[in-house]
Amino acid sequence: MVNKIVLSMALMRILSGSIEIGVALFMLRYNDIERALVMNSSLALVGPIILMATTTVGLVGVSEQLSPSRFLWVAAGVTCLLIGILKK
């Protein structure tokens, strides 16, 4: 039996990968640099959103097992990742 949390995280990653592949196929179909740049830029939003959603689901799943101090360390790590990804 697959854990519901793990299944949710895996499905979100499959969705993210499917979106990436779909956009790549659209880029090839339209064969236009400007459209490809717009599509690529829109993917910059998908990655962090999926990262946050997957991490949130995982943290909810392990929240009972983590002490408050360890939970804060995990939250700090995720915050650092997001700052690194989203900072321009």
PDB file of N, CA and C in Angstrom:
ATOM      1  N   MET A   1       0.850  -1.186   0.000  1.00  0.00           N
ATOM      2  CA  MET A   1       0.000   0.000   0.000  1.00  0.00           C
ATOM      3  C   MET A   1       0.895   1.248   0.000  1.00  0.00           C
ATOM      4  N   VAL A   2       0.600   2.165  -0.895  1.00  0.00           N
ATOM      5  CA  VAL A   2       1.382   3.383  -1.003  1.00  0.00           C
ATOM      6  C   VAL A   2       0.825   4.419  -0.033  1.00  0.00           C
ATOM      7  N   ASN A   3       1.726   5.063   0.680  1.00  0.00           N
ATOM      8  CA  ASN A   3       1.343   6.114   1.614  1.00  0.00           C
ATOM      9  C   ASN A   3       0.678   7.254   0.835  1.00  0.00           C
ATOM     10  N   LYS A   4      -0.414   7.789   1.365  1.00  0.00           N
ATOM     11  CA  LYS A   4      -1.162   8.856   0.683  1.00  0.00           C
ATOM     12  C   LYS A   4      -0.321  10.113   0.489  1.00  0.00           C
ATOM     13  N   ILE A   5       0.504  10.426   1.456  1.00  0.00           N
ATOM     14  CA  ILE A   5       1.363  11.617   1.361  1.00  0.00           C
ATOM     15  C   ILE A   5       2.374  11.430   0.234  1.00  0.00           C
ATOM     16  N   VAL A   6       3.014  10.263   0.207  1.00  0.00           N
ATOM     17  CA  VAL A   6       4.000   9.972  -0.838  1.00  0.00           C
ATOM     18  C   VAL A   6       3.324   9.980  -2.206  1.00  0.00           C
ATOM     19  N   LEU A   7       2.137   9.406  -2.306  1.00  0.00           N
ATOM     20  CA  LEU A   7       1.394   9.396  -3.559  1.00  0.00           C
ATOM     21  C   LEU A   7       1.071  10.816  -4.012  1.00  0.00           C
ATOM     22  N   SER A   8       0.645  11.655  -3.088  1.00  0.00           N
ATOM     23  CA  SER A   8       0.345  13.052  -3.427  1.00  0.00           C
ATOM     24  C   SER A   8       1.580  13.776  -3.932  1.00  0.00           C
ATOM     25  N   MET A   9       2.702  13.578  -3.247  1.00  0.00           N
ATOM     26  CA  MET A   9       3.944  14.232  -3.664  1.00  0.00           C
ATOM     27  C   MET A   9       4.371  13.746  -5.047  1.00  0.00           C
ATOM     28  N   ALA A  10       4.276  12.439  -5.279  1.00  0.00           N
ATOM     29  CA  ALA A  10       4.668  11.879  -6.575  1.00  0.00           C
ATOM     30  C   ALA A  10       3.755  12.382  -7.691  1.00  0.00           C
ATOM     31  N   LEU A  11       2.459  12.466  -7.425  1.00  0.00           N
ATOM     32  CA  LEU A  11       1.529  12.958  -8.443  1.00  0.00           C
ATOM     33  C   LEU A  11       1.796  14.421  -8.791  1.00  0.00           C
ATOM     34  N   MET A  12       2.154  15.229  -7.795  1.00  0.00           N
ATOM     35  CA  MET A  12       2.484  16.629  -8.082  1.00  0.00           C
ATOM     36  C   MET A  12       3.733  16.722  -8.957  1.00  0.00           C
ATOM     37  N   ARG A  13       4.717  15.864  -8.700  1.00  0.00           N
ATOM     38  CA  ARG A  13       5.932  15.862  -9.510  1.00  0.00           C
ATOM     39  C   ARG A  13       5.644  15.359 -10.930  1.00  0.00           C
ATOM     40  N   ILE A  14       4.766  14.372 -11.056  1.00  0.00           N
ATOM     41  CA  ILE A  14       4.370  13.896 -12.382  1.00  0.00           C
ATOM     42  C   ILE A  14       3.654  15.007 -13.136  1.00  0.00           C
ATOM     43  N   LEU A  15       2.780  15.723 -12.454  1.00  0.00           N
ATOM     44  CA  LEU A  15       2.087  16.861 -13.071  1.00  0.00           C
ATOM     45  C   LEU A  15       3.093  17.910 -13.534  1.00  0.00           C
ATOM     46  N   SER A  16       4.044  18.232 -12.692  1.00  0.00           N
ATOM     47  CA  SER A  16       5.062  19.223 -13.039  1.00  0.00           C
ATOM     48  C   SER A  16       5.859  18.786 -14.267  1.00  0.00           C
ATOM     49  N   GLY A  17       6.274  17.539 -14.291  1.00  0.00           N
ATOM     50  CA  GLY A  17       7.023  17.025 -15.438  1.00  0.00           C
ATOM     51  C   GLY A  17       6.185  17.016 -16.709  1.00  0.00           C
ATOM     52  N   SER A  18       4.912  16.688 -16.578  1.00  0.00           N
ATOM     53  CA  SER A  18       4.016  16.688 -17.734  1.00  0.00           C
ATOM     54  C   SER A  18       3.836  18.092 -18.292  1.00  0.00           C
ATOM     55  N   ILE A  19       3.726  19.063 -17.406  1.00  0.00           N
ATOM     56  CA  ILE A  19       3.620  20.461 -17.851  1.00  0.00           C
ATOM     57  C   ILE A  19       4.887  20.861 -18.608  1.00  0.00           C
ATOM     58  N   GLU A  20       6.042  20.492 -18.080  1.00  0.00           N
ATOM     59  CA  GLU A  20       7.319  20.820 -18.728  1.00  0.00           C
ATOM     60  C   GLU A  20       7.397  20.198 -20.123  1.00  0.00           C
ATOM     61  N   ILE A  21       7.046  18.921 -20.222  1.00  0.00           N
ATOM     62  CA  ILE A  21       7.085  18.242 -21.523  1.00  0.00           C
ATOM     63  C   ILE A  21       6.078  18.864 -22.481  1.00  0.00           C
ATOM     64  N   GLY A  22       4.877  19.172 -21.986  1.00  0.00           N
ATOM     65  CA  GLY A  22       3.856  19.802 -22.829  1.00  0.00           C
ATOM     66  C   GLY A  22       4.323  21.141 -23.381  1.00  0.00           C
ATOM     67  N   VAL A  23       4.938  21.947 -22.542  1.00  0.00           N
ATOM     68  CA  VAL A  23       5.433  23.248 -22.984  1.00  0.00           C
ATOM     69  C   VAL A  23       6.553  23.066 -24.009  1.00  0.00           C
ATOM     70  N   ALA A  24       7.430  22.091 -23.797  1.00  0.00           N
ATOM     71  CA  ALA A  24       8.501  21.838 -24.771  1.00  0.00           C
ATOM     72  C   ALA A  24       7.914  21.455 -26.131  1.00  0.00           C
ATOM     73  N   LEU A  25       6.859  20.649 -26.119  1.00  0.00           N
ATOM     74  CA  LEU A  25       6.219  20.266 -27.374  1.00  0.00           C
ATOM     75  C   LEU A  25       5.556  21.464 -28.057  1.00  0.00           C
ATOM     76  N   PHE A  26       4.937  22.344 -27.255  1.00  0.00           N
ATOM     77  CA  PHE A  26       4.354  23.562 -27.825  1.00  0.00           C
ATOM     78  C   PHE A  26       5.440  24.451 -28.435  1.00  0.00           C
ATOM     79  N   MET A  27       6.580  24.532 -27.773  1.00  0.00           N
ATOM     80  CA  MET A  27       7.684  25.327 -28.328  1.00  0.00           C
ATOM     81  C   MET A  27       8.077  24.800 -29.704  1.00  0.00           C
ATOM     82  N   LEU A  28       8.189  23.493 -29.800  1.00  0.00           N
ATOM     83  CA  LEU A  28       8.553  22.896 -31.085  1.00  0.00           C
ATOM     84  C   LEU A  28       7.456  23.108 -32.132  1.00  0.00           C
ATOM     85  N   ARG A  29       6.207  23.001 -31.705  1.00  0.00           N
ATOM     86  CA  ARG A  29       5.087  23.157 -32.647  1.00  0.00           C
ATOM     87  C   ARG A  29       5.019  24.569 -33.206  1.00  0.00           C
ATOM     88  N   TYR A  30       5.154  25.581 -32.347  1.00  0.00           N
ATOM     89  CA  TYR A  30       5.029  26.965 -32.803  1.00  0.00           C
ATOM     90  C   TYR A  30       6.306  27.477 -33.459  1.00  0.00           C
ATOM     91  N   ASN A  31       7.454  26.927 -33.092  1.00  0.00           N
ATOM     92  CA  ASN A  31       8.721  27.259 -33.719  1.00  0.00           C
ATOM     93  C   ASN A  31       8.943  28.772 -33.809  1.00  0.00           C
ATOM     94  N   ASP A  32       8.637  29.464 -32.703  1.00  0.00           N
ATOM     95  CA  ASP A  32       8.754  30.926 -32.660  1.00  0.00           C
ATOM     96  C   ASP A  32       9.512  31.304 -31.392  1.00  0.00           C
ATOM     97  N   ILE A  33      10.578  32.072 -31.549  1.00  0.00           N
ATOM     98  CA  ILE A  33      11.438  32.407 -30.410  1.00  0.00           C
ATOM     99  C   ILE A  33      10.684  33.199 -29.348  1.00  0.00           C
ATOM    100  N   GLU A  34       9.902  34.194 -29.768  1.00  0.00           N
ATOM    101  CA  GLU A  34       9.180  35.017 -28.796  1.00  0.00           C
ATOM    102  C   GLU A  34       8.189  34.179 -27.979  1.00  0.00           C
ATOM    103  N   ARG A  35       7.430  33.336 -28.672  1.00  0.00           N
ATOM    104  CA  ARG A  35       6.486  32.465 -27.949  1.00  0.00           C
ATOM    105  C   ARG A  35       7.221  31.506 -27.028  1.00  0.00           C
ATOM    106  N   ALA A  36       8.332  30.974 -27.505  1.00  0.00           N
ATOM    107  CA  ALA A  36       9.111  30.042 -26.689  1.00  0.00           C
ATOM    108  C   ALA A  36       9.623  30.721 -25.422  1.00  0.00           C
ATOM    109  N   LEU A  37      10.044  31.969 -25.531  1.00  0.00           N
ATOM    110  CA  LEU A  37      10.501  32.703 -24.346  1.00  0.00           C
ATOM    111  C   LEU A  37       9.368  32.936 -23.361  1.00  0.00           C
ATOM    112  N   VAL A  38       8.184  33.275 -23.878  1.00  0.00           N
ATOM    113  CA  VAL A  38       7.026  33.478 -22.997  1.00  0.00           C
ATOM    114  C   VAL A  38       6.676  32.181 -22.285  1.00  0.00           C
ATOM    115  N   MET A  39       6.642  31.085 -23.038  1.00  0.00           N
ATOM    116  CA  MET A  39       6.314  29.782 -22.437  1.00  0.00           C
ATOM    117  C   MET A  39       7.367  29.386 -21.409  1.00  0.00           C
ATOM    118  N   ASN A  40       8.624  29.599 -21.729  1.00  0.00           N
ATOM    119  CA  ASN A  40       9.704  29.266 -20.803  1.00  0.00           C
ATOM    120  C   ASN A  40       9.605  30.097 -19.527  1.00  0.00           C
ATOM    121  N   SER A  41       9.271  31.364 -19.684  1.00  0.00           N
ATOM    122  CA  SER A  41       9.120  32.232 -18.507  1.00  0.00           C
ATOM    123  C   SER A  41       7.968  31.778 -17.622  1.00  0.00           C
ATOM    124  N   SER A  42       6.905  31.304 -18.248  1.00  0.00           N
ATOM    125  CA  SER A  42       5.776  30.826 -17.442  1.00  0.00           C
ATOM    126  C   SER A  42       6.157  29.588 -16.638  1.00  0.00           C
ATOM    127  N   LEU A  43       7.079  28.806 -17.151  1.00  0.00           N
ATOM    128  CA  LEU A  43       7.545  27.635 -16.396  1.00  0.00           C
ATOM    129  C   LEU A  43       8.319  28.034 -15.148  1.00  0.00           C
ATOM    130  N   ALA A  44       8.860  29.237 -15.135  1.00  0.00           N
ATOM    131  CA  ALA A  44       9.582  29.713 -13.953  1.00  0.00           C
ATOM    132  C   ALA A  44       8.645  29.828 -12.751  1.00  0.00           C
ATOM    133  N   LEU A  45       7.348  29.952 -12.988  1.00  0.00           N
ATOM    134  CA  LEU A  45       6.370  29.983 -11.903  1.00  0.00           C
ATOM    135  C   LEU A  45       5.990  28.585 -11.447  1.00  0.00           C
ATOM    136  N   VAL A  46       5.922  27.660 -12.390  1.00  0.00           N
ATOM    137  CA  VAL A  46       5.470  26.302 -12.069  1.00  0.00           C
ATOM    138  C   VAL A  46       6.425  25.608 -11.107  1.00  0.00           C
ATOM    139  N   GLY A  47       7.724  25.707 -11.369  1.00  0.00           N
ATOM    140  CA  GLY A  47       8.717  25.011 -10.538  1.00  0.00           C
ATOM    141  C   GLY A  47       8.624  25.350  -9.059  1.00  0.00           C
ATOM    142  N   PRO A  48       8.705  26.641  -8.697  1.00  0.00           N
ATOM    143  CA  PRO A  48       8.611  26.990  -7.277  1.00  0.00           C
ATOM    144  C   PRO A  48       7.258  26.655  -6.647  1.00  0.00           C
ATOM    145  N   ILE A  49       6.191  26.782  -7.421  1.00  0.00           N
ATOM    146  CA  ILE A  49       4.866  26.448  -6.874  1.00  0.00           C
ATOM    147  C   ILE A  49       4.797  24.964  -6.548  1.00  0.00           C
ATOM    148  N   ILE A  50       5.272  24.119  -7.461  1.00  0.00           N
ATOM    149  CA  ILE A  50       5.278  22.672  -7.207  1.00  0.00           C
ATOM    150  C   ILE A  50       6.216  22.349  -6.051  1.00  0.00           C
ATOM    151  N   LEU A  51       7.375  23.015  -5.992  1.00  0.00           N
ATOM    152  CA  LEU A  51       8.308  22.807  -4.880  1.00  0.00           C
ATOM    153  C   LEU A  51       7.639  23.119  -3.546  1.00  0.00           C
ATOM    154  N   MET A  52       6.968  24.263  -3.461  1.00  0.00           N
ATOM    155  CA  MET A  52       6.313  24.643  -2.210  1.00  0.00           C
ATOM    156  C   MET A  52       5.185  23.676  -1.856  1.00  0.00           C
ATOM    157  N   ALA A  53       4.387  23.304  -2.850  1.00  0.00           N
ATOM    158  CA  ALA A  53       3.262  22.405  -2.585  1.00  0.00           C
ATOM    159  C   ALA A  53       3.753  21.029  -2.140  1.00  0.00           C
ATOM    160  N   THR A  54       4.742  20.487  -2.837  1.00  0.00           N
ATOM    161  CA  THR A  54       5.267  19.169  -2.490  1.00  0.00           C
ATOM    162  C   THR A  54       5.916  19.181  -1.108  1.00  0.00           C
ATOM    163  N   THR A  55       6.682  20.217  -0.832  1.00  0.00           N
ATOM    164  CA  THR A  55       7.334  20.331   0.478  1.00  0.00           C
ATOM    165  C   THR A  55       6.302  20.482   1.583  1.00  0.00           C
ATOM    166  N   THR A  56       5.263  21.268   1.329  1.00  0.00           N
ATOM    167  CA  THR A  56       4.208  21.444   2.332  1.00  0.00           C
ATOM    168  C   THR A  56       3.525  20.125   2.649  1.00  0.00           C
ATOM    169  N   VAL A  57       3.188  19.378   1.610  1.00  0.00           N
ATOM    170  CA  VAL A  57       2.537  18.082   1.818  1.00  0.00           C
ATOM    171  C   VAL A  57       3.472  17.155   2.602  1.00  0.00           C
ATOM    172  N   GLY A  58       4.740  17.132   2.241  1.00  0.00           N
ATOM    173  CA  GLY A  58       5.700  16.289   2.959  1.00  0.00           C
ATOM    174  C   GLY A  58       5.866  16.698   4.412  1.00  0.00           C
ATOM    175  N   LEU A  59       5.922  18.005   4.654  1.00  0.00           N
ATOM    176  CA  LEU A  59       6.066  18.479   6.039  1.00  0.00           C
ATOM    177  C   LEU A  59       4.832  18.164   6.870  1.00  0.00           C
ATOM    178  N   VAL A  60       3.666  18.260   6.266  1.00  0.00           N
ATOM    179  CA  VAL A  60       2.445  17.887   6.983  1.00  0.00           C
ATOM    180  C   VAL A  60       2.511  16.412   7.361  1.00  0.00           C
ATOM    181  N   GLY A  61       3.037  15.601   6.445  1.00  0.00           N
ATOM    182  CA  GLY A  61       3.144  14.164   6.706  1.00  0.00           C
ATOM    183  C   GLY A  61       4.102  13.810   7.822  1.00  0.00           C
ATOM    184  N   VAL A  62       5.171  14.572   7.981  1.00  0.00           N
ATOM    185  CA  VAL A  62       6.154  14.252   9.025  1.00  0.00           C
ATOM    186  C   VAL A  62       6.052  15.172  10.231  1.00  0.00           C
ATOM    187  N   SER A  63       5.079  16.062  10.235  1.00  0.00           N
ATOM    188  CA  SER A  63       4.997  17.050  11.319  1.00  0.00           C
ATOM    189  C   SER A  63       4.857  16.405  12.692  1.00  0.00           C
ATOM    190  N   GLU A  64       4.219  15.265  12.763  1.00  0.00           N
ATOM    191  CA  GLU A  64       4.070  14.592  14.055  1.00  0.00           C
ATOM    192  C   GLU A  64       5.397  14.017  14.541  1.00  0.00           C
ATOM    193  N   GLN A  65       6.294  13.727  13.617  1.00  0.00           N
ATOM    194  CA  GLN A  65       7.562  13.089  13.970  1.00  0.00           C
ATOM    195  C   GLN A  65       8.683  14.092  14.238  1.00  0.00           C
ATOM    196  N   LEU A  66       8.492  15.344  13.843  1.00  0.00           N
ATOM    197  CA  LEU A  66       9.543  16.352  14.008  1.00  0.00           C
ATOM    198  C   LEU A  66       9.344  17.153  15.284  1.00  0.00           C
ATOM    199  N   SER A  67      10.443  17.408  15.959  1.00  0.00           N
ATOM    200  CA  SER A  67      10.380  18.310  17.099  1.00  0.00           C
ATOM    201  C   SER A  67      10.252  19.733  16.564  1.00  0.00           C
ATOM    202  N   PRO A  68       9.760  20.657  17.369  1.00  0.00           N
ATOM    203  CA  PRO A  68       9.615  22.037  16.886  1.00  0.00           C
ATOM    204  C   PRO A  68      10.920  22.643  16.367  1.00  0.00           C
ATOM    205  N   SER A  69      12.040  22.342  17.018  1.00  0.00           N
ATOM    206  CA  SER A  69      13.310  22.916  16.564  1.00  0.00           C
ATOM    207  C   SER A  69      13.718  22.348  15.202  1.00  0.00           C
ATOM    208  N   ARG A  70      13.513  21.059  14.993  1.00  0.00           N
ATOM    209  CA  ARG A  70      13.831  20.459  13.697  1.00  0.00           C
ATOM    210  C   ARG A  70      12.901  20.992  12.613  1.00  0.00           C
ATOM    211  N   PHE A  71      11.644  21.205  12.954  1.00  0.00           N
ATOM    212  CA  PHE A  71      10.685  21.758  12.011  1.00  0.00           C
ATOM    213  C   PHE A  71      11.123  23.153  11.570  1.00  0.00           C
ATOM    214  N   LEU A  72      11.623  23.957  12.500  1.00  0.00           N
ATOM    215  CA  LEU A  72      12.118  25.291  12.167  1.00  0.00           C
ATOM    216  C   LEU A  72      13.333  25.223  11.241  1.00  0.00           C
ATOM    217  N   TRP A  73      14.216  24.244  11.461  1.00  0.00           N
ATOM    218  CA  TRP A  73      15.376  24.084  10.581  1.00  0.00           C
ATOM    219  C   TRP A  73      14.931  23.731   9.166  1.00  0.00           C
ATOM    220  N   VAL A  74      13.962  22.853   9.060  1.00  0.00           N
ATOM    221  CA  VAL A  74      13.437  22.489   7.733  1.00  0.00           C
ATOM    222  C   VAL A  74      12.806  23.708   7.072  1.00  0.00           C
ATOM    223  N   ALA A  75      12.012  24.451   7.821  1.00  0.00           N
ATOM    224  CA  ALA A  75      11.367  25.652   7.280  1.00  0.00           C
ATOM    225  C   ALA A  75      12.413  26.674   6.838  1.00  0.00           C
ATOM    226  N   ALA A  76      13.483  26.819   7.604  1.00  0.00           N
ATOM    227  CA  ALA A  76      14.554  27.747   7.231  1.00  0.00           C
ATOM    228  C   ALA A  76      15.235  27.295   5.939  1.00  0.00           C
ATOM    229  N   GLY A  77      15.436  26.008   5.800  1.00  0.00           N
ATOM    230  CA  GLY A  77      16.043  25.474   4.582  1.00  0.00           C
ATOM    231  C   GLY A  77      15.179  25.711   3.355  1.00  0.00           C
ATOM    232  N   VAL A  78      13.886  25.478   3.493  1.00  0.00           N
ATOM    233  CA  VAL A  78      12.961  25.714   2.377  1.00  0.00           C
ATOM    234  C   VAL A  78      12.929  27.194   2.029  1.00  0.00           C
ATOM    235  N   THR A  79      12.941  28.035   3.046  1.00  0.00           N
ATOM    236  CA  THR A  79      12.954  29.484   2.811  1.00  0.00           C
ATOM    237  C   THR A  79      14.209  29.886   2.037  1.00  0.00           C
ATOM    238  N   CYS A  80      15.353  29.351   2.421  1.00  0.00           N
ATOM    239  CA  CYS A  80      16.599  29.651   1.703  1.00  0.00           C
ATOM    240  C   CYS A  80      16.518  29.192   0.247  1.00  0.00           C
ATOM    241  N   LEU A  81      15.951  28.014   0.014  1.00  0.00           N
ATOM    242  CA  LEU A  81      15.777  27.525  -1.358  1.00  0.00           C
ATOM    243  C   LEU A  81      14.912  28.473  -2.171  1.00  0.00           C
ATOM    244  N   LEU A  82      13.805  28.890  -1.601  1.00  0.00           N
ATOM    245  CA  LEU A  82      12.892  29.776  -2.331  1.00  0.00           C
ATOM    246  C   LEU A  82      13.526  31.132  -2.609  1.00  0.00           C
ATOM    247  N   ILE A  83      14.263  31.651  -1.646  1.00  0.00           N
ATOM    248  CA  ILE A  83      14.952  32.930  -1.871  1.00  0.00           C
ATOM    249  C   ILE A  83      15.967  32.762  -3.005  1.00  0.00           C
ATOM    250  N   GLY A  84      16.698  31.679  -3.002  1.00  0.00           N
ATOM    251  CA  GLY A  84      17.674  31.423  -4.051  1.00  0.00           C
ATOM    252  C   GLY A  84      17.041  31.250  -5.425  1.00  0.00           C
ATOM    253  N   ILE A  85      15.873  30.644  -5.464  1.00  0.00           N
ATOM    254  CA  ILE A  85      15.200  30.403  -6.740  1.00  0.00           C
ATOM    255  C   ILE A  85      14.532  31.671  -7.247  1.00  0.00           C
ATOM    256  N   LEU A  86      13.859  32.386  -6.373  1.00  0.00           N
ATOM    257  CA  LEU A  86      13.028  33.500  -6.793  1.00  0.00           C
ATOM    258  C   LEU A  86      13.751  34.838  -6.827  1.00  0.00           C
ATOM    259  N   LYS A  87      14.896  34.936  -6.205  1.00  0.00           N
ATOM    260  CA  LYS A  87      15.636  36.208  -6.172  1.00  0.00           C
ATOM    261  C   LYS A  87      16.174  36.539  -7.555  1.00  0.00           C
ATOM    262  N   LYS A  88      15.967  37.775  -7.968  1.00  0.00           N
ATOM    263  CA  LYS A  88      16.419  38.185  -9.319  1.00  0.00           C
ATOM    264  C   LYS A  88      17.721  38.908  -9.241  1.00  0.00           C
TER     265      LYS A  88
END
